């Protein structure tokens, strides 16, 4: 493979990567825990965009329950965002991901 062709492929992959990253900001994912007591919404890049808490999850005598539910929901939405990012960005890289020194 000649260097000029390699450079063109790298530029093409860079454009695809930028497009995939932009798409991620437009996608929405959600995680729910505690039977839906706490729901976290995020964009595909992992930015939290919304939090819904059912009134039954708010117990003044047990604030640790709500803390645990929020922690679990945030962890789950981050996991889903990471999976989505890997799919989107991996497909954008196409054949270049196998080249030595890249990823």
PDB file of N, CA and C in Angstrom:
ATOM      1  N   UNK A   1       0.861  -1.175   0.000  1.00  0.00           N
ATOM      2  CA  UNK A   1       0.000   0.000   0.000  1.00  0.00           C
ATOM      3  C   UNK A   1       0.904   1.233   0.000  1.00  0.00           C
ATOM      4  N   UNK A   2       0.660   2.153  -0.925  1.00  0.00           N
ATOM      5  CA  UNK A   2       1.518   3.338  -0.964  1.00  0.00           C
ATOM      6  C   UNK A   2       1.063   4.381   0.050  1.00  0.00           C
ATOM      7  N   UNK A   3       1.971   5.285   0.379  1.00  0.00           N
ATOM      8  CA  UNK A   3       1.718   6.260   1.439  1.00  0.00           C
ATOM      9  C   UNK A   3       0.597   7.227   1.072  1.00  0.00           C
ATOM     10  N   UNK A   4       0.495   7.589  -0.209  1.00  0.00           N
ATOM     11  CA  UNK A   4      -0.558   8.522  -0.637  1.00  0.00           C
ATOM     12  C   UNK A   4      -1.940   7.889  -0.433  1.00  0.00           C
ATOM     13  N   UNK A   5      -2.063   6.640  -0.797  1.00  0.00           N
ATOM     14  CA  UNK A   5      -3.337   5.943  -0.613  1.00  0.00           C
ATOM     15  C   UNK A   5      -3.654   5.802   0.877  1.00  0.00           C
ATOM     16  N   UNK A   6      -2.644   5.506   1.669  1.00  0.00           N
ATOM     17  CA  UNK A   6      -2.817   5.382   3.110  1.00  0.00           C
ATOM     18  C   UNK A   6      -3.291   6.706   3.715  1.00  0.00           C
ATOM     19  N   UNK A   7      -2.705   7.810   3.277  1.00  0.00           N
ATOM     20  CA  UNK A   7      -3.103   9.134   3.778  1.00  0.00           C
ATOM     21  C   UNK A   7      -4.551   9.443   3.407  1.00  0.00           C
ATOM     22  N   UNK A   8      -4.957   9.107   2.192  1.00  0.00           N
ATOM     23  CA  UNK A   8      -6.345   9.331   1.776  1.00  0.00           C
ATOM     24  C   UNK A   8      -7.309   8.511   2.631  1.00  0.00           C
ATOM     25  N   UNK A   9      -6.933   7.271   2.899  1.00  0.00           N
ATOM     26  CA  UNK A   9      -7.763   6.411   3.733  1.00  0.00           C
ATOM     27  C   UNK A   9      -7.867   6.968   5.155  1.00  0.00           C
ATOM     28  N   UNK A  10      -6.744   7.479   5.662  1.00  0.00           N
ATOM     29  CA  UNK A  10      -6.748   8.050   7.012  1.00  0.00           C
ATOM     30  C   UNK A  10      -7.626   9.294   7.073  1.00  0.00           C
ATOM     31  N   UNK A  11      -7.577  10.143   6.056  1.00  0.00           N
ATOM     32  CA  UNK A  11      -8.424  11.341   6.014  1.00  0.00           C
ATOM     33  C   UNK A  11      -9.902  10.954   5.931  1.00  0.00           C
ATOM     34  N   UNK A  12     -10.185   9.954   5.141  1.00  0.00           N
ATOM     35  CA  UNK A  12     -11.566   9.467   5.016  1.00  0.00           C
ATOM     36  C   UNK A  12     -12.060   8.928   6.369  1.00  0.00           C
ATOM     37  N   UNK A  13     -11.206   8.173   7.040  1.00  0.00           N
ATOM     38  CA  UNK A  13     -11.572   7.630   8.352  1.00  0.00           C
ATOM     39  C   UNK A  13     -11.765   8.754   9.362  1.00  0.00           C
ATOM     40  N   UNK A  14     -10.940   9.786   9.282  1.00  0.00           N
ATOM     41  CA  UNK A  14     -11.067  10.919  10.194  1.00  0.00           C
ATOM     42  C   UNK A  14     -12.413  11.623   9.997  1.00  0.00           C
ATOM     43  N   UNK A  15     -12.825  11.800   8.750  1.00  0.00           N
ATOM     44  CA  UNK A  15     -14.141  12.402   8.473  1.00  0.00           C
ATOM     45  C   UNK A  15     -15.273  11.529   9.014  1.00  0.00           C
ATOM     46  N   UNK A  16     -15.154  10.227   8.790  1.00  0.00           N
ATOM     47  CA  UNK A  16     -16.181   9.305   9.283  1.00  0.00           C
ATOM     48  C   UNK A  16     -16.245   9.328  10.809  1.00  0.00           C
ATOM     49  N   UNK A  17     -15.094   9.429  11.456  1.00  0.00           N
ATOM     50  CA  UNK A  17     -15.036   9.483  12.916  1.00  0.00           C
ATOM     51  C   UNK A  17     -15.746  10.729  13.417  1.00  0.00           C
ATOM     52  N   UNK A  18     -15.476  11.872  12.796  1.00  0.00           N
ATOM     53  CA  UNK A  18     -16.110  13.126  13.211  1.00  0.00           C
ATOM     54  C   UNK A  18     -17.622  13.046  13.026  1.00  0.00           C
ATOM     55  N   UNK A  19     -18.058  12.450  11.927  1.00  0.00           N
ATOM     56  CA  UNK A  19     -19.498  12.289  11.685  1.00  0.00           C
ATOM     57  C   UNK A  19     -20.120  11.372  12.742  1.00  0.00           C
ATOM     58  N   UNK A  20     -19.439  10.289  13.074  1.00  0.00           N
ATOM     59  CA  UNK A  20     -19.957   9.354  14.080  1.00  0.00           C
ATOM     60  C   UNK A  20     -20.031  10.028  15.443  1.00  0.00           C
ATOM     61  N   UNK A  21     -19.019  10.826  15.792  1.00  0.00           N
ATOM     62  CA  UNK A  21     -19.037  11.523  17.072  1.00  0.00           C
ATOM     63  C   UNK A  21     -20.187  12.526  17.136  1.00  0.00           C
ATOM     64  N   UNK A  22     -20.460  13.187  16.023  1.00  0.00           N
ATOM     65  CA  UNK A  22     -21.586  14.124  15.994  1.00  0.00           C
ATOM     66  C   UNK A  22     -22.917  13.380  16.145  1.00  0.00           C
ATOM     67  N   UNK A  23     -23.024  12.232  15.470  1.00  0.00           N
ATOM     68  CA  UNK A  23     -24.249  11.420  15.600  1.00  0.00           C
ATOM     69  C   UNK A  23     -24.479  11.003  17.045  1.00  0.00           C
ATOM     70  N   UNK A  24     -23.394  10.679  17.747  1.00  0.00           N
ATOM     71  CA  UNK A  24     -23.514  10.251  19.135  1.00  0.00           C
ATOM     72  C   UNK A  24     -24.179  11.314  20.001  1.00  0.00           C
ATOM     73  N   UNK A  25     -23.888  12.576  19.742  1.00  0.00           N
ATOM     74  CA  UNK A  25     -24.482  13.646  20.550  1.00  0.00           C
ATOM     75  C   UNK A  25     -25.968  13.778  20.284  1.00  0.00           C
ATOM     76  N   UNK A  26     -26.425  13.275  19.145  1.00  0.00           N
ATOM     77  CA  UNK A  26     -27.844  13.368  18.782  1.00  0.00           C
ATOM     78  C   UNK A  26     -28.653  12.155  19.230  1.00  0.00           C
ATOM     79  N   UNK A  27     -27.971  11.061  19.548  1.00  0.00           N
ATOM     80  CA  UNK A  27     -28.664   9.849  19.979  1.00  0.00           C
ATOM     81  C   UNK A  27     -29.013   9.932  21.463  1.00  0.00           C
ATOM     82  N   UNK A  28     -30.054   9.208  21.844  1.00  0.00           N
ATOM     83  CA  UNK A  28     -30.500   9.228  23.237  1.00  0.00           C
ATOM     84  C   UNK A  28     -30.583   7.802  23.762  1.00  0.00           C
ATOM     85  N   UNK A  29     -30.103   7.611  24.981  1.00  0.00           N
ATOM     86  CA  UNK A  29     -30.203   6.320  25.640  1.00  0.00           C
ATOM     87  C   UNK A  29     -30.762   6.533  27.036  1.00  0.00           C
ATOM     88  N   UNK A  30     -31.290   5.473  27.618  1.00  0.00           N
ATOM     89  CA  UNK A  30     -31.873   5.574  28.949  1.00  0.00           C
ATOM     90  C   UNK A  30     -31.541   4.334  29.757  1.00  0.00           C
ATOM     91  N   UNK A  31     -31.365   4.535  31.043  1.00  0.00           N
ATOM     92  CA  UNK A  31     -31.178   3.424  31.978  1.00  0.00           C
ATOM     93  C   UNK A  31     -32.187   3.601  33.100  1.00  0.00           C
ATOM     94  N   UNK A  32     -32.735   2.496  33.543  1.00  0.00           N
ATOM     95  CA  UNK A  32     -33.748   2.511  34.592  1.00  0.00           C
ATOM     96  C   UNK A  32     -33.377   1.474  35.639  1.00  0.00           C
ATOM     97  N   UNK A  33     -33.524   1.841  36.906  1.00  0.00           N
ATOM     98  CA  UNK A  33     -33.238   0.909  38.005  1.00  0.00           C
ATOM     99  C   UNK A  33     -34.350   0.984  39.036  1.00  0.00           C
ATOM    100  N   UNK A  34     -34.344   0.008  39.927  1.00  0.00           N
ATOM    101  CA  UNK A  34     -35.339  -0.004  40.991  1.00  0.00           C
ATOM    102  C   UNK A  34     -36.754  -0.140  40.462  1.00  0.00           C
ATOM    103  N   UNK A  35     -36.907  -0.937  39.409  1.00  0.00           N
ATOM    104  CA  UNK A  35     -38.239  -1.102  38.840  1.00  0.00           C
ATOM    105  C   UNK A  35     -38.782   0.195  38.242  1.00  0.00           C
ATOM    106  N   UNK A  36     -37.882   1.036  37.755  1.00  0.00           N
ATOM    107  CA  UNK A  36     -38.304   2.296  37.147  1.00  0.00           C
ATOM    108  C   UNK A  36     -38.377   3.453  38.131  1.00  0.00           C
ATOM    109  N   UNK A  37     -37.955   3.217  39.366  1.00  0.00           N
ATOM    110  CA  UNK A  37     -38.004   4.292  40.356  1.00  0.00           C
ATOM    111  C   UNK A  37     -37.067   5.442  39.986  1.00  0.00           C
ATOM    112  N   UNK A  38     -35.941   5.119  39.346  1.00  0.00           N
ATOM    113  CA  UNK A  38     -34.990   6.130  38.900  1.00  0.00           C
ATOM    114  C   UNK A  38     -34.628   5.829  37.449  1.00  0.00           C
ATOM    115  N   UNK A  39     -34.750   6.870  36.599  1.00  0.00           N
ATOM    116  CA  UNK A  39     -34.391   6.752  35.184  1.00  0.00           C
ATOM    117  C   UNK A  39     -33.420   7.881  34.844  1.00  0.00           C
ATOM    118  N   UNK A  40     -32.363   7.528  34.142  1.00  0.00           N
ATOM    119  CA  UNK A  40     -31.366   8.495  33.698  1.00  0.00           C
ATOM    120  C   UNK A  40     -31.352   8.462  32.173  1.00  0.00           C
ATOM    121  N   UNK A  41     -31.427   9.636  31.563  1.00  0.00           N
ATOM    122  CA  UNK A  41     -31.314   9.757  30.116  1.00  0.00           C
ATOM    123  C   UNK A  41     -29.979  10.410  29.801  1.00  0.00           C
ATOM    124  N   UNK A  42     -29.370   9.986  28.684  1.00  0.00           N
ATOM    125  CA  UNK A  42     -28.091  10.547  28.271  1.00  0.00           C
ATOM    126  C   UNK A  42     -28.018  10.543  26.752  1.00  0.00           C
ATOM    127  N   UNK A  43     -27.144  11.392  26.243  1.00  0.00           N
ATOM    128  CA  UNK A  43     -26.856  11.357  24.815  1.00  0.00           C
ATOM    129  C   UNK A  43     -25.859  10.226  24.576  1.00  0.00           C
ATOM    130  N   UNK A  44     -25.660   9.889  23.326  1.00  0.00           N
ATOM    131  CA  UNK A  44     -24.768   8.786  22.992  1.00  0.00           C
ATOM    132  C   UNK A  44     -23.323   9.010  23.380  1.00  0.00           C
ATOM    133  N   UNK A  45     -22.962  10.269  23.610  1.00  0.00           N
ATOM    134  CA  UNK A  45     -21.586  10.534  24.035  1.00  0.00           C
ATOM    135  C   UNK A  45     -21.434  10.453  25.555  1.00  0.00           C
ATOM    136  N   UNK A  46     -22.526  10.109  26.258  1.00  0.00           N
ATOM    137  CA  UNK A  46     -22.477   9.904  27.697  1.00  0.00           C
ATOM    138  C   UNK A  46     -22.894  11.094  28.537  1.00  0.00           C
ATOM    139  N   UNK A  47     -23.259  12.202  27.902  1.00  0.00           N
ATOM    140  CA  UNK A  47     -23.696  13.379  28.646  1.00  0.00           C
ATOM    141  C   UNK A  47     -25.095  13.151  29.204  1.00  0.00           C
ATOM    142  N   UNK A  48     -25.254  13.252  30.514  1.00  0.00           N
ATOM    143  CA  UNK A  48     -26.564  13.067  31.141  1.00  0.00           C
ATOM    144  C   UNK A  48     -27.467  14.235  30.741  1.00  0.00           C
ATOM    145  N   UNK A  49     -28.636  13.891  30.223  1.00  0.00           N
ATOM    146  CA  UNK A  49     -29.570  14.920  29.743  1.00  0.00           C
ATOM    147  C   UNK A  49     -30.852  14.976  30.551  1.00  0.00           C
ATOM    148  N   UNK A  50     -31.079  13.990  31.397  1.00  0.00           N
ATOM    149  CA  UNK A  50     -32.294  14.007  32.188  1.00  0.00           C
ATOM    150  C   UNK A  50     -32.274  12.980  33.311  1.00  0.00           C
ATOM    151  N   UNK A  51     -33.004  13.311  34.375  1.00  0.00           N
ATOM    152  CA  UNK A  51     -33.139  12.415  35.528  1.00  0.00           C
ATOM    153  C   UNK A  51     -34.607  12.428  35.937  1.00  0.00           C
ATOM    154  N   UNK A  52     -35.184  11.248  36.094  1.00  0.00           N
ATOM    155  CA  UNK A  52     -36.558  11.113  36.578  1.00  0.00           C
ATOM    156  C   UNK A  52     -36.536  10.269  37.843  1.00  0.00           C
ATOM    157  N   UNK A  53     -37.146  10.772  38.894  1.00  0.00           N
ATOM    158  CA  UNK A  53     -37.187  10.054  40.173  1.00  0.00           C
ATOM    159  C   UNK A  53     -38.643   9.947  40.606  1.00  0.00           C
ATOM    160  N   UNK A  54     -39.082   8.720  40.796  1.00  0.00           N
ATOM    161  CA  UNK A  54     -40.443   8.504  41.286  1.00  0.00           C
ATOM    162  C   UNK A  54     -40.519   8.951  42.750  1.00  0.00           C
ATOM    163  N   UNK A  55     -41.616   9.554  43.155  1.00  0.00           N
ATOM    164  CA  UNK A  55     -41.756  10.005  44.539  1.00  0.00           C
ATOM    165  C   UNK A  55     -41.513   8.895  45.570  1.00  0.00           C
ATOM    166  N   UNK A  56     -41.847   7.672  45.211  1.00  0.00           N
ATOM    167  CA  UNK A  56     -41.657   6.574  46.157  1.00  0.00           C
ATOM    168  C   UNK A  56     -40.178   6.291  46.431  1.00  0.00           C
ATOM    169  N   UNK A  57     -39.291   6.798  45.584  1.00  0.00           N
ATOM    170  CA  UNK A  57     -37.858   6.586  45.797  1.00  0.00           C
ATOM    171  C   UNK A  57     -37.273   7.593  46.785  1.00  0.00           C
ATOM    172  N   UNK A  58     -38.084   8.586  47.153  1.00  0.00           N
ATOM    173  CA  UNK A  58     -37.610   9.636  48.050  1.00  0.00           C
ATOM    174  C   UNK A  58     -38.128   9.357  49.452  1.00  0.00           C
ATOM    175  N   UNK A  59     -37.278   8.762  50.246  1.00  0.00           N
ATOM    176  CA  UNK A  59     -37.627   8.439  51.629  1.00  0.00           C
ATOM    177  C   UNK A  59     -36.677   9.215  52.527  1.00  0.00           C
ATOM    178  N   UNK A  60     -37.183  10.240  53.224  1.00  0.00           N
ATOM    179  CA  UNK A  60     -36.311  11.049  54.075  1.00  0.00           C
ATOM    180  C   UNK A  60     -35.599  10.237  55.154  1.00  0.00           C
ATOM    181  N   UNK A  61     -36.165   9.100  55.515  1.00  0.00           N
ATOM    182  CA  UNK A  61     -35.545   8.260  56.534  1.00  0.00           C
ATOM    183  C   UNK A  61     -34.487   7.315  55.948  1.00  0.00           C
ATOM    184  N   UNK A  62     -34.387   7.256  54.604  1.00  0.00           N
ATOM    185  CA  UNK A  62     -33.451   6.345  53.959  1.00  0.00           C
ATOM    186  C   UNK A  62     -32.832   7.002  52.716  1.00  0.00           C
ATOM    187  N   UNK A  63     -32.066   8.066  52.895  1.00  0.00           N
ATOM    188  CA  UNK A  63     -31.470   8.735  51.740  1.00  0.00           C
ATOM    189  C   UNK A  63     -30.471   7.850  50.992  1.00  0.00           C
ATOM    190  N   UNK A  64     -29.917   6.868  51.675  1.00  0.00           N
ATOM    191  CA  UNK A  64     -28.959   5.973  51.034  1.00  0.00           C
ATOM    192  C   UNK A  64     -29.606   5.188  49.897  1.00  0.00           C
ATOM    193  N   UNK A  65     -30.887   4.860  50.020  1.00  0.00           N
ATOM    194  CA  UNK A  65     -31.580   4.140  48.956  1.00  0.00           C
ATOM    195  C   UNK A  65     -31.549   4.958  47.668  1.00  0.00           C
ATOM    196  N   UNK A  66     -31.907   6.218  47.744  1.00  0.00           N
ATOM    197  CA  UNK A  66     -31.908   7.072  46.556  1.00  0.00           C
ATOM    198  C   UNK A  66     -30.487   7.243  46.015  1.00  0.00           C
ATOM    199  N   UNK A  67     -29.533   7.402  46.895  1.00  0.00           N
ATOM    200  CA  UNK A  67     -28.141   7.516  46.468  1.00  0.00           C
ATOM    201  C   UNK A  67     -27.710   6.266  45.697  1.00  0.00           C
ATOM    202  N   UNK A  68     -28.058   5.100  46.224  1.00  0.00           N
ATOM    203  CA  UNK A  68     -27.695   3.841  45.564  1.00  0.00           C
ATOM    204  C   UNK A  68     -28.385   3.706  44.209  1.00  0.00           C
ATOM    205  N   UNK A  69     -29.657   4.077  44.148  1.00  0.00           N
ATOM    206  CA  UNK A  69     -30.400   3.996  42.883  1.00  0.00           C
ATOM    207  C   UNK A  69     -29.792   4.931  41.834  1.00  0.00           C
ATOM    208  N   UNK A  70     -29.466   6.142  42.242  1.00  0.00           N
ATOM    209  CA  UNK A  70     -28.853   7.089  41.305  1.00  0.00           C
ATOM    210  C   UNK A  70     -27.496   6.585  40.825  1.00  0.00           C
ATOM    211  N   UNK A  71     -26.697   6.084  41.738  1.00  0.00           N
ATOM    212  CA  UNK A  71     -25.384   5.556  41.372  1.00  0.00           C
ATOM    213  C   UNK A  71     -25.525   4.410  40.372  1.00  0.00           C
ATOM    214  N   UNK A  72     -26.442   3.514  40.627  1.00  0.00           N
ATOM    215  CA  UNK A  72     -26.659   2.369  39.733  1.00  0.00           C
ATOM    216  C   UNK A  72     -27.154   2.821  38.364  1.00  0.00           C
ATOM    217  N   UNK A  73     -28.093   3.762  38.335  1.00  0.00           N
ATOM    218  CA  UNK A  73     -28.651   4.231  37.062  1.00  0.00           C
ATOM    219  C   UNK A  73     -27.599   4.969  36.239  1.00  0.00           C
ATOM    220  N   UNK A  74     -26.794   5.786  36.891  1.00  0.00           N
ATOM    221  CA  UNK A  74     -25.742   6.508  36.174  1.00  0.00           C
ATOM    222  C   UNK A  74     -24.710   5.526  35.621  1.00  0.00           C
ATOM    223  N   UNK A  75     -24.334   4.541  36.425  1.00  0.00           N
ATOM    224  CA  UNK A  75     -23.402   3.526  35.951  1.00  0.00           C
ATOM    225  C   UNK A  75     -23.943   2.769  34.750  1.00  0.00           C
ATOM    226  N   UNK A  76     -25.218   2.441  34.790  1.00  0.00           N
ATOM    227  CA  UNK A  76     -25.838   1.700  33.684  1.00  0.00           C
ATOM    228  C   UNK A  76     -25.903   2.542  32.416  1.00  0.00           C
ATOM    229  N   UNK A  77     -26.281   3.809  32.530  1.00  0.00           N
ATOM    230  CA  UNK A  77     -26.373   4.646  31.332  1.00  0.00           C
ATOM    231  C   UNK A  77     -24.975   4.891  30.755  1.00  0.00           C
ATOM    232  N   UNK A  78     -23.954   4.986  31.607  1.00  0.00           N
ATOM    233  CA  UNK A  78     -22.592   5.137  31.116  1.00  0.00           C
ATOM    234  C   UNK A  78     -22.130   3.880  30.385  1.00  0.00           C
ATOM    235  N   UNK A  79     -22.496   2.716  30.906  1.00  0.00           N
ATOM    236  CA  UNK A  79     -22.142   1.459  30.242  1.00  0.00           C
ATOM    237  C   UNK A  79     -22.785   1.389  28.860  1.00  0.00           C
ATOM    238  N   UNK A  80     -24.077   1.755  28.791  1.00  0.00           N
ATOM    239  CA  UNK A  80     -24.782   1.739  27.508  1.00  0.00           C
ATOM    240  C   UNK A  80     -24.177   2.739  26.529  1.00  0.00           C
ATOM    241  N   UNK A  81     -23.790   3.908  27.025  1.00  0.00           N
ATOM    242  CA  UNK A  81     -23.167   4.921  26.167  1.00  0.00           C
ATOM    243  C   UNK A  81     -21.842   4.410  25.610  1.00  0.00           C
ATOM    244  N   UNK A  82     -21.064   3.742  26.447  1.00  0.00           N
ATOM    245  CA  UNK A  82     -19.778   3.213  26.006  1.00  0.00           C
ATOM    246  C   UNK A  82     -19.966   2.157  24.922  1.00  0.00           C
ATOM    247  N   UNK A  83     -20.944   1.279  25.099  1.00  0.00           N
ATOM    248  CA  UNK A  83     -21.227   0.260  24.086  1.00  0.00           C
ATOM    249  C   UNK A  83     -21.635   0.911  22.775  1.00  0.00           C
ATOM    250  N   UNK A  84     -22.487   1.924  22.861  1.00  0.00           N
ATOM    251  CA  UNK A  84     -22.936   2.642  21.666  1.00  0.00           C
ATOM    252  C   UNK A  84     -21.757   3.328  20.981  1.00  0.00           C
ATOM    253  N   UNK A  85     -20.890   3.948  21.760  1.00  0.00           N
ATOM    254  CA  UNK A  85     -19.713   4.615  21.211  1.00  0.00           C
ATOM    255  C   UNK A  85     -18.811   3.609  20.498  1.00  0.00           C
ATOM    256  N   UNK A  86     -18.600   2.467  21.109  1.00  0.00           N
ATOM    257  CA  UNK A  86     -17.745   1.447  20.499  1.00  0.00           C
ATOM    258  C   UNK A  86     -18.318   0.976  19.175  1.00  0.00           C
ATOM    259  N   UNK A  87     -19.635   0.794  19.119  1.00  0.00           N
ATOM    260  CA  UNK A  87     -20.277   0.375  17.869  1.00  0.00           C
ATOM    261  C   UNK A  87     -20.157   1.460  16.807  1.00  0.00           C
ATOM    262  N   UNK A  88     -20.544   2.680  17.161  1.00  0.00           N
ATOM    263  CA  UNK A  88     -20.551   3.778  16.199  1.00  0.00           C
ATOM    264  C   UNK A  88     -19.149   4.122  15.714  1.00  0.00           C
ATOM    265  N   UNK A  89     -18.227   4.269  16.637  1.00  0.00           N
ATOM    266  CA  UNK A  89     -16.875   4.674  16.260  1.00  0.00           C
ATOM    267  C   UNK A  89     -16.108   3.530  15.618  1.00  0.00           C
ATOM    268  N   UNK A  90     -16.378   2.312  16.054  1.00  0.00           N
ATOM    269  CA  UNK A  90     -15.733   1.155  15.443  1.00  0.00           C
ATOM    270  C   UNK A  90     -16.130   0.987  13.993  1.00  0.00           C
ATOM    271  N   UNK A  91     -17.411   1.167  13.691  1.00  0.00           N
ATOM    272  CA  UNK A  91     -17.853   1.033  12.303  1.00  0.00           C
ATOM    273  C   UNK A  91     -17.344   2.191  11.464  1.00  0.00           C
ATOM    274  N   UNK A  92     -17.148   3.355  12.066  1.00  0.00           N
ATOM    275  CA  UNK A  92     -16.622   4.507  11.328  1.00  0.00           C
ATOM    276  C   UNK A  92     -15.171   4.274  10.916  1.00  0.00           C
ATOM    277  N   UNK A  93     -14.429   3.528  11.734  1.00  0.00           N
ATOM    278  CA  UNK A  93     -13.020   3.288  11.426  1.00  0.00           C
ATOM    279  C   UNK A  93     -12.842   2.249  10.330  1.00  0.00           C
ATOM    280  N   UNK A  94     -13.826   1.418  10.118  1.00  0.00           N
ATOM    281  CA  UNK A  94     -13.752   0.444   9.043  1.00  0.00           C
ATOM    282  C   UNK A  94     -12.502  -0.399   9.086  1.00  0.00           C
ATOM    283  N   UNK A  95     -11.845  -0.519   7.964  1.00  0.00           N
ATOM    284  CA  UNK A  95     -10.664  -1.366   7.846  1.00  0.00           C
ATOM    285  C   UNK A  95      -9.412  -0.805   8.474  1.00  0.00           C
ATOM    286  N   UNK A  96      -9.404   0.471   8.825  1.00  0.00           N
ATOM    287  CA  UNK A  96      -8.183   1.046   9.372  1.00  0.00           C
ATOM    288  C   UNK A  96      -7.870   0.583  10.781  1.00  0.00           C
ATOM    289  N   UNK A  97      -8.841   0.051  11.490  1.00  0.00           N
ATOM    290  CA  UNK A  97      -8.583  -0.345  12.870  1.00  0.00           C
ATOM    291  C   UNK A  97      -7.578  -1.480  12.970  1.00  0.00           C
ATOM    292  N   UNK A  98      -7.334  -2.189  11.884  1.00  0.00           N
ATOM    293  CA  UNK A  98      -6.393  -3.278  11.916  1.00  0.00           C
ATOM    294  C   UNK A  98      -4.956  -2.889  11.585  1.00  0.00           C
ATOM    295  N   UNK A  99      -4.740  -1.638  11.210  1.00  0.00           N
ATOM    296  CA  UNK A  99      -3.397  -1.218  10.838  1.00  0.00           C
ATOM    297  C   UNK A  99      -2.515  -1.071  12.075  1.00  0.00           C
ATOM    298  N   UNK A 100      -1.269  -1.463  11.982  1.00  0.00           N
ATOM    299  CA  UNK A 100      -0.363  -1.321  13.126  1.00  0.00           C
ATOM    300  C   UNK A 100      -0.225   0.143  13.531  1.00  0.00           C
ATOM    301  N   UNK A 101      -0.214   0.382  14.812  1.00  0.00           N
ATOM    302  CA  UNK A 101      -0.054   1.746  15.325  1.00  0.00           C
ATOM    303  C   UNK A 101      -1.327   2.536  15.432  1.00  0.00           C
ATOM    304  N   UNK A 102      -2.431   2.024  14.922  1.00  0.00           N
ATOM    305  CA  UNK A 102      -3.724   2.706  15.028  1.00  0.00           C
ATOM    306  C   UNK A 102      -4.618   1.895  15.946  1.00  0.00           C
ATOM    307  N   UNK A 103      -5.002   2.472  17.039  1.00  0.00           N
ATOM    308  CA  UNK A 103      -5.944   1.894  17.997  1.00  0.00           C
ATOM    309  C   UNK A 103      -5.427   0.605  18.504  1.00  0.00           C
TER     310      UNK A 103
END
